[in-house]
Every structure is written in C-alpha cells, then in structure tokens.
PDB file of N, CA and C in Angstrom:
ATOM      1  N   MET A   1      28.762  -3.160 -33.113  1.00  0.00           N
ATOM      2  CA  MET A   1      29.236  -2.973 -31.795  1.00  0.00           C
ATOM      3  C   MET A   1      29.696  -4.287 -31.174  1.00  0.00           C
ATOM      4  N   GLY A   2      30.750  -4.196 -30.383  1.00  0.00           N
ATOM      5  CA  GLY A   2      31.283  -5.431 -29.783  1.00  0.00           C
ATOM      6  C   GLY A   2      30.616  -5.802 -28.537  1.00  0.00           C
ATOM      7  N   LYS A   3      30.944  -7.016 -28.071  1.00  0.00           N
ATOM      8  CA  LYS A   3      30.359  -7.534 -26.824  1.00  0.00           C
ATOM      9  C   LYS A   3      30.590  -6.638 -25.668  1.00  0.00           C
ATOM     10  N   SER A   4      31.770  -6.052 -25.566  1.00  0.00           N
ATOM     11  CA  SER A   4      32.116  -5.223 -24.449  1.00  0.00           C
ATOM     12  C   SER A   4      31.174  -4.000 -24.328  1.00  0.00           C
ATOM     13  N   HIS A   5      30.753  -3.525 -25.513  1.00  0.00           N
ATOM     14  CA  HIS A   5      29.803  -2.367 -25.483  1.00  0.00           C
ATOM     15  C   HIS A   5      28.484  -2.780 -24.832  1.00  0.00           C
ATOM     16  N   PHE A   6      27.945  -3.957 -25.167  1.00  0.00           N
ATOM     17  CA  PHE A   6      26.705  -4.357 -24.628  1.00  0.00           C
ATOM     18  C   PHE A   6      26.848  -4.742 -23.143  1.00  0.00           C
ATOM     19  N   LYS A   7      27.979  -5.314 -22.797  1.00  0.00           N
ATOM     20  CA  LYS A   7      28.192  -5.646 -21.399  1.00  0.00           C
ATOM     21  C   LYS A   7      28.263  -4.383 -20.532  1.00  0.00           C
ATOM     22  N   LYS A   8      28.910  -3.363 -21.094  1.00  0.00           N
ATOM     23  CA  LYS A   8      29.018  -2.082 -20.396  1.00  0.00           C
ATOM     24  C   LYS A   8      27.673  -1.448 -20.274  1.00  0.00           C
ATOM     25  N   ALA A   9      26.859  -1.529 -21.306  1.00  0.00           N
ATOM     26  CA  ALA A   9      25.451  -0.997 -21.326  1.00  0.00           C
ATOM     27  C   ALA A   9      24.651  -1.670 -20.237  1.00  0.00           C
ATOM     28  N   ILE A  10      24.757  -3.002 -20.176  1.00  0.00           N
ATOM     29  CA  ILE A  10      24.009  -3.728 -19.207  1.00  0.00           C
ATOM     30  C   ILE A  10      24.389  -3.328 -17.774  1.00  0.00           C
ATOM     31  N   SER A  11      25.660  -3.229 -17.538  1.00  0.00           N
ATOM     32  CA  SER A  11      26.132  -2.817 -16.218  1.00  0.00           C
ATOM     33  C   SER A  11      25.660  -1.404 -15.859  1.00  0.00           C
ATOM     34  N   SER A  12      25.700  -0.541 -16.819  1.00  0.00           N
ATOM     35  CA  SER A  12      25.279   0.867 -16.536  1.00  0.00           C
ATOM     36  C   SER A  12      23.749   0.857 -16.219  1.00  0.00           C
ATOM     37  N   LEU A  13      23.003   0.141 -16.987  1.00  0.00           N
ATOM     38  CA  LEU A  13      21.513   0.081 -16.763  1.00  0.00           C
ATOM     39  C   LEU A  13      21.196  -0.546 -15.410  1.00  0.00           C
ATOM     40  N   GLN A  14      21.939  -1.568 -15.031  1.00  0.00           N
ATOM     41  CA  GLN A  14      21.720  -2.223 -13.737  1.00  0.00           C
ATOM     42  C   GLN A  14      21.985  -1.198 -12.615  1.00  0.00           C
ATOM     43  N   GLY A  15      23.001  -0.385 -12.825  1.00  0.00           N
ATOM     44  CA  GLY A  15      23.346   0.660 -11.814  1.00  0.00           C
ATOM     45  C   GLY A  15      22.205   1.704 -11.743  1.00  0.00           C
ATOM     46  N   ARG A  16      21.661   2.055 -12.880  1.00  0.00           N
ATOM     47  CA  ARG A  16      20.556   3.016 -12.862  1.00  0.00           C
ATOM     48  C   ARG A  16      19.341   2.472 -12.195  1.00  0.00           C
ATOM     49  N   ILE A  17      19.050   1.203 -12.396  1.00  0.00           N
ATOM     50  CA  ILE A  17      17.933   0.543 -11.746  1.00  0.00           C
ATOM     51  C   ILE A  17      18.146   0.580 -10.253  1.00  0.00           C
ATOM     52  N   ALA A  18      19.327   0.253  -9.764  1.00  0.00           N
ATOM     53  CA  ALA A  18      19.592   0.334  -8.332  1.00  0.00           C
ATOM     54  C   ALA A  18      19.404   1.703  -7.769  1.00  0.00           C
ATOM     55  N   GLU A  19      19.829   2.701  -8.537  1.00  0.00           N
ATOM     56  CA  GLU A  19      19.663   4.119  -8.085  1.00  0.00           C
ATOM     57  C   GLU A  19      18.161   4.463  -7.954  1.00  0.00           C
ATOM     58  N   HIS A  20      17.413   4.074  -8.951  1.00  0.00           N
ATOM     59  CA  HIS A  20      15.971   4.427  -8.941  1.00  0.00           C
ATOM     60  C   HIS A  20      15.245   3.617  -7.845  1.00  0.00           C
ATOM     61  N   GLU A  21      15.650   2.364  -7.616  1.00  0.00           N
ATOM     62  CA  GLU A  21      15.057   1.624  -6.479  1.00  0.00           C
ATOM     63  C   GLU A  21      15.304   2.273  -5.178  1.00  0.00           C
ATOM     64  N   THR A  22      16.512   2.812  -4.939  1.00  0.00           N
ATOM     65  CA  THR A  22      16.836   3.552  -3.745  1.00  0.00           C
ATOM     66  C   THR A  22      16.018   4.793  -3.629  1.00  0.00           C
ATOM     67  N   LYS A  23      15.852   5.563  -4.763  1.00  0.00           N
ATOM     68  CA  LYS A  23      15.026   6.771  -4.714  1.00  0.00           C
ATOM     69  C   LYS A  23      13.594   6.450  -4.331  1.00  0.00           C
ATOM     70  N   ILE A  24      13.066   5.349  -4.890  1.00  0.00           N
ATOM     71  CA  ILE A  24      11.703   4.920  -4.537  1.00  0.00           C
ATOM     72  C   ILE A  24      11.582   4.584  -3.077  1.00  0.00           C
ATOM     73  N   ARG A  25      12.535   3.763  -2.578  1.00  0.00           N
ATOM     74  CA  ARG A  25      12.472   3.386  -1.175  1.00  0.00           C
ATOM     75  C   ARG A  25      12.546   4.623  -0.257  1.00  0.00           C
ATOM     76  N   LEU A  26      13.408   5.562  -0.556  1.00  0.00           N
ATOM     77  CA  LEU A  26      13.521   6.777   0.242  1.00  0.00           C
ATOM     78  C   LEU A  26      12.261   7.600   0.177  1.00  0.00           C
ATOM     79  N   GLU A  27      11.706   7.665  -0.962  1.00  0.00           N
ATOM     80  CA  GLU A  27      10.431   8.480  -1.200  1.00  0.00           C
ATOM     81  C   GLU A  27       9.297   7.848  -0.362  1.00  0.00           C
ATOM     82  N   LEU A  28       9.214   6.519  -0.378  1.00  0.00           N
ATOM     83  CA  LEU A  28       8.171   5.795   0.357  1.00  0.00           C
ATOM     84  C   LEU A  28       8.286   5.923   1.887  1.00  0.00           C
ATOM     85  N   GLU A  29       9.489   6.261   2.330  1.00  0.00           N
ATOM     86  CA  GLU A  29       9.729   6.469   3.762  1.00  0.00           C
ATOM     87  C   GLU A  29       9.226   7.836   4.230  1.00  0.00           C
ATOM     88  N   LYS A  30       8.958   8.734   3.319  1.00  0.00           N
ATOM     89  CA  LYS A  30       8.461  10.054   3.703  1.00  0.00           C
ATOM     90  C   LYS A  30       7.006   9.961   4.181  1.00  0.00           C
ATOM     91  N   PRO A  31       6.571  10.918   5.038  1.00  0.00           N
ATOM     92  CA  PRO A  31       5.190  10.923   5.492  1.00  0.00           C
ATOM     93  C   PRO A  31       4.195  11.025   4.346  1.00  0.00           C
ATOM     94  N   LEU A  32       4.505  11.837   3.325  1.00  0.00           N
ATOM     95  CA  LEU A  32       3.622  11.959   2.174  1.00  0.00           C
ATOM     96  C   LEU A  32       4.434  11.756   0.906  1.00  0.00           C
ATOM     97  N   PRO A  33       4.612  10.482   0.544  1.00  0.00           N
ATOM     98  CA  PRO A  33       5.419  10.200  -0.668  1.00  0.00           C
ATOM     99  C   PRO A  33       4.733  10.733  -1.949  1.00  0.00           C
ATOM    100  N   ASP A  34       5.572  11.242  -2.834  1.00  0.00           N
ATOM    101  CA  ASP A  34       5.107  11.769  -4.134  1.00  0.00           C
ATOM    102  C   ASP A  34       4.891  10.545  -5.082  1.00  0.00           C
ATOM    103  N   ARG A  35       3.652  10.187  -5.181  1.00  0.00           N
ATOM    104  CA  ARG A  35       3.310   8.969  -5.994  1.00  0.00           C
ATOM    105  C   ARG A  35       3.589   9.203  -7.508  1.00  0.00           C
ATOM    106  N   GLY A  36       3.461  10.458  -7.957  1.00  0.00           N
ATOM    107  CA  GLY A  36       3.778  10.735  -9.344  1.00  0.00           C
ATOM    108  C   GLY A  36       5.267  10.506  -9.628  1.00  0.00           C
ATOM    109  N   LEU A  37       6.080  10.925  -8.731  1.00  0.00           N
ATOM    110  CA  LEU A  37       7.500  10.722  -8.878  1.00  0.00           C
ATOM    111  C   LEU A  37       7.858   9.270  -8.793  1.00  0.00           C
ATOM    112  N   ILE A  38       7.233   8.483  -7.884  1.00  0.00           N
ATOM    113  CA  ILE A  38       7.498   7.050  -7.784  1.00  0.00           C
ATOM    114  C   ILE A  38       7.101   6.384  -9.086  1.00  0.00           C
ATOM    115  N   ASN A  39       5.917   6.747  -9.618  1.00  0.00           N
ATOM    116  CA  ASN A  39       5.471   6.173 -10.876  1.00  0.00           C
ATOM    117  C   ASN A  39       6.439   6.456 -12.038  1.00  0.00           C
ATOM    118  N   HIS A  40       6.968   7.620 -12.016  1.00  0.00           N
ATOM    119  CA  HIS A  40       7.930   8.061 -13.106  1.00  0.00           C
ATOM    120  C   HIS A  40       9.200   7.154 -12.955  1.00  0.00           C
ATOM    121  N   TRP A  41       9.717   6.987 -11.771  1.00  0.00           N
ATOM    122  CA  TRP A  41      10.905   6.152 -11.600  1.00  0.00           C
ATOM    123  C   TRP A  41      10.607   4.720 -11.963  1.00  0.00           C
ATOM    124  N   GLN A  42       9.419   4.240 -11.609  1.00  0.00           N
ATOM    125  CA  GLN A  42       9.067   2.838 -11.993  1.00  0.00           C
ATOM    126  C   GLN A  42       8.996   2.618 -13.499  1.00  0.00           C
ATOM    127  N   LYS A  43       8.519   3.649 -14.188  1.00  0.00           N
ATOM    128  CA  LYS A  43       8.463   3.583 -15.656  1.00  0.00           C
ATOM    129  C   LYS A  43       9.914   3.580 -16.217  1.00  0.00           C
ATOM    130  N   GLU A  44      10.772   4.348 -15.641  1.00  0.00           N
ATOM    131  CA  GLU A  44      12.143   4.406 -16.071  1.00  0.00           C
ATOM    132  C   GLU A  44      12.818   3.064 -15.825  1.00  0.00           C
ATOM    133  N   ILE A  45      12.528   2.431 -14.702  1.00  0.00           N
ATOM    134  CA  ILE A  45      13.108   1.077 -14.395  1.00  0.00           C
ATOM    135  C   ILE A  45      12.681   0.124 -15.447  1.00  0.00           C
ATOM    136  N   LYS A  46      11.396   0.203 -15.857  1.00  0.00           N
ATOM    137  CA  LYS A  46      10.928  -0.721 -16.923  1.00  0.00           C
ATOM    138  C   LYS A  46      11.677  -0.520 -18.210  1.00  0.00           C
ATOM    139  N   ALA A  47      11.896   0.748 -18.528  1.00  0.00           N
ATOM    140  CA  ALA A  47      12.645   1.086 -19.744  1.00  0.00           C
ATOM    141  C   ALA A  47      14.117   0.584 -19.653  1.00  0.00           C
ATOM    142  N   PHE A  48      14.720   0.689 -18.509  1.00  0.00           N
ATOM    143  CA  PHE A  48      16.094   0.184 -18.305  1.00  0.00           C
ATOM    144  C   PHE A  48      16.064  -1.334 -18.462  1.00  0.00           C
ATOM    145  N   GLU A  49      15.085  -1.989 -17.847  1.00  0.00           N
ATOM    146  CA  GLU A  49      15.021  -3.463 -17.984  1.00  0.00           C
ATOM    147  C   GLU A  49      14.873  -3.882 -19.441  1.00  0.00           C
ATOM    148  N   LYS A  50      14.068  -3.145 -20.194  1.00  0.00           N
ATOM    149  CA  LYS A  50      13.916  -3.425 -21.629  1.00  0.00           C
ATOM    150  C   LYS A  50      15.267  -3.273 -22.350  1.00  0.00           C
ATOM    151  N   GLY A  51      15.985  -2.227 -22.007  1.00  0.00           N
ATOM    152  CA  GLY A  51      17.252  -2.025 -22.582  1.00  0.00           C
ATOM    153  C   GLY A  51      18.218  -3.135 -22.277  1.00  0.00           C
ATOM    154  N   ILE A  52      18.183  -3.666 -21.033  1.00  0.00           N
ATOM    155  CA  ILE A  52      19.009  -4.796 -20.684  1.00  0.00           C
ATOM    156  C   ILE A  52      18.627  -6.023 -21.500  1.00  0.00           C
ATOM    157  N   GLN A  53      17.362  -6.294 -21.639  1.00  0.00           N
ATOM    158  CA  GLN A  53      16.936  -7.441 -22.417  1.00  0.00           C
ATOM    159  C   GLN A  53      17.387  -7.324 -23.907  1.00  0.00           C
ATOM    160  N   GLN A  54      17.324  -6.117 -24.437  1.00  0.00           N
ATOM    161  CA  GLN A  54      17.793  -5.918 -25.796  1.00  0.00           C
ATOM    162  C   GLN A  54      19.265  -6.184 -25.949  1.00  0.00           C
ATOM    163  N   ALA A  55      20.023  -5.677 -24.979  1.00  0.00           N
ATOM    164  CA  ALA A  55      21.464  -5.884 -24.985  1.00  0.00           C
ATOM    165  C   ALA A  55      21.822  -7.376 -24.849  1.00  0.00           C
ATOM    166  N   LEU A  56      21.066  -8.086 -23.959  1.00  0.00           N
ATOM    167  CA  LEU A  56      21.264  -9.541 -23.780  1.00  0.00           C
ATOM    168  C   LEU A  56      20.968 -10.223 -25.096  1.00  0.00           C
ATOM    169  N   LYS A  57      19.931  -9.832 -25.731  1.00  0.00           N
ATOM    170  CA  LYS A  57      19.563 -10.399 -27.030  1.00  0.00           C
ATOM    171  C   LYS A  57      20.726 -10.298 -28.014  1.00  0.00           C
ATOM    172  N   ARG A  58      21.269  -9.093 -28.055  1.00  0.00           N
ATOM    173  CA  ARG A  58      22.416  -8.857 -28.959  1.00  0.00           C
ATOM    174  C   ARG A  58      23.625  -9.731 -28.596  1.00  0.00           C
ATOM    175  N   LEU A  59      23.727 -10.066 -27.300  1.00  0.00           N
ATOM    176  CA  LEU A  59      24.811 -10.945 -26.878  1.00  0.00           C
ATOM    177  C   LEU A  59      24.444 -12.381 -27.079  1.00  0.00           C
ATOM    178  N   GLY A  60      23.227 -12.692 -27.491  1.00  0.00           N
ATOM    179  CA  GLY A  60      22.804 -14.044 -27.747  1.00  0.00           C
ATOM    180  C   GLY A  60      22.322 -14.736 -26.522  1.00  0.00           C
ATOM    181  N   LYS A  61      21.852 -13.988 -25.522  1.00  0.00           N
ATOM    182  CA  LYS A  61      21.357 -14.559 -24.313  1.00  0.00           C
ATOM    183  C   LYS A  61      19.890 -14.192 -24.132  1.00  0.00           C
ATOM    184  N   GLU A  62      19.138 -15.058 -23.458  1.00  0.00           N
ATOM    185  CA  GLU A  62      17.704 -14.785 -23.238  1.00  0.00           C
ATOM    186  C   GLU A  62      17.486 -13.936 -22.000  1.00  0.00           C
ATOM    187  N   SER A  63      18.218 -14.171 -20.911  1.00  0.00           N
ATOM    188  CA  SER A  63      18.060 -13.422 -19.663  1.00  0.00           C
ATOM    189  C   SER A  63      19.340 -13.397 -18.909  1.00  0.00           C
ATOM    190  N   CYS A  64      19.375 -12.594 -17.878  1.00  0.00           N
ATOM    191  CA  CYS A  64      20.563 -12.337 -17.057  1.00  0.00           C
ATOM    192  C   CYS A  64      20.627 -13.333 -15.918  1.00  0.00           C
ATOM    193  N   ASN A  65      19.718 -14.275 -15.789  1.00  0.00           N
ATOM    194  CA  ASN A  65      19.640 -15.164 -14.664  1.00  0.00           C
ATOM    195  C   ASN A  65      20.825 -16.092 -14.578  1.00  0.00           C
TER     196      ASN A  65
END
C-alpha cells in the first residue's frame, strides 16, 4: 500500500476520534450520562489511536506531533 493510503487512513481515524470526543462531551452534559456508552467510545478512541500509530509506523514516523 502506498503512502497516500496510510495518510488517508490517519485522516479518517482522526475524524472518527473527533466525532467520538464530541459524543462523549454531549453525553457528559446530560443530567444522567450513560457511563457505559462513554466507556465504549473511549475504548474506540484508543483503538483509533492505535491504528494511527500503526499507520505512522508504516510511513516511517514515530508520532504525529
């Protein structure tokens, strides 16, 4: 797979992380937030971050900083 594939994957995963962070923020604003749902989204964020790190590794980079 080419560099463009991994760059696109990173961009997509970053977008998903942003979506999940918004979902978490909105859920926390509710009077009774669903902690199970929040935990689920947090786990997915960690999986997305792992995917980003793997894609960066394929691109020959250590981190996105």
